[in-house]
Amino acid sequence: MLAEATTALGTATKKDTVNSALRLAVEESRVRRERALADLQQVADEGGFDFDRLGELDR
């Protein structure tokens, strides 16, 4: 996998490959979280959550 990652990322050393792969993984995770938060905000803005019924969850 290291060899494939080196080729895919165009890096020259193991250290550069690992650092680039970690950076990419973190960036993709941030993008997914930001997208999920934006989707939840849109649902909330459209009235998709009934906060008046939260008390029913404890029953």
Protein backbone atom coordinates (compact mmCIF):
# COMPACT_ATOMS: atom_id res chain seq x y z
CA MET A 1 0.00 0.00 0.00
CA LEU A 2 2.90 2.32 0.69
CA ALA A 3 4.16 1.92 -2.87
CA GLU A 4 0.70 2.61 -4.28
CA ALA A 5 0.28 5.64 -2.05
CA THR A 6 3.70 6.94 -3.09
CA THR A 7 2.69 6.70 -6.74
CA ALA A 8 -0.78 8.14 -6.18
CA LEU A 9 0.49 11.07 -4.15
CA GLY A 10 3.61 11.68 -6.22
CA THR A 11 5.85 11.69 -3.16
CA ALA A 12 9.49 10.66 -3.01
CA THR A 13 10.03 9.39 0.55
CA LYS A 14 8.13 7.23 3.01
CA LYS A 15 7.91 10.16 5.40
CA ASP A 16 6.44 12.46 2.72
CA THR A 17 4.03 9.74 1.66
CA VAL A 18 2.78 9.12 5.19
CA ASN A 19 2.48 12.83 5.96
CA SER A 20 0.64 13.49 2.70
CA ALA A 21 -1.70 10.56 3.26
CA LEU A 22 -2.47 11.72 6.80
CA ARG A 23 -3.04 15.28 5.63
CA LEU A 24 -5.39 14.04 2.91
CA ALA A 25 -7.32 11.83 5.34
CA VAL A 26 -7.78 14.72 7.79
CA GLU A 27 -8.86 17.12 5.04
CA GLU A 28 -11.40 14.64 3.68
CA SER A 29 -12.76 14.03 7.16
CA ARG A 30 -13.17 17.77 7.73
CA VAL A 31 -14.99 18.14 4.42
CA ARG A 32 -17.36 15.27 5.28
CA ARG A 33 -18.09 16.75 8.72
CA GLU A 34 -18.67 20.23 7.27
CA ARG A 35 -21.01 18.79 4.64
CA ALA A 36 -22.92 16.78 7.25
CA LEU A 37 -23.29 19.85 9.45
CA ALA A 38 -24.53 21.92 6.51
CA ASP A 39 -27.05 19.18 5.66
CA LEU A 40 -28.31 19.10 9.25
CA GLN A 41 -28.56 22.89 9.29
CA GLN A 42 -30.62 22.81 6.10
CA VAL A 43 -32.98 20.20 7.56
CA ALA A 44 -33.34 22.31 10.71
CA ASP A 45 -33.96 25.47 8.69
CA GLU A 46 -36.68 23.66 6.78
CA GLY A 47 -38.39 22.62 10.03
CA GLY A 48 -37.27 19.01 9.86
CA PHE A 49 -36.88 18.64 13.63
CA ASP A 50 -39.75 18.67 16.11
CA PHE A 51 -38.06 19.94 19.24
CA ASP A 52 -41.39 20.10 21.07
CA ARG A 53 -41.38 16.29 21.19
CA LEU A 54 -37.95 15.88 22.81
CA GLY A 55 -39.54 15.21 26.18
CA GLU A 56 -41.19 12.11 24.76
CA LEU A 57 -37.78 10.50 24.30
CA ASP A 58 -37.39 10.05 28.06
CA ARG A 59 -40.56 8.01 28.37
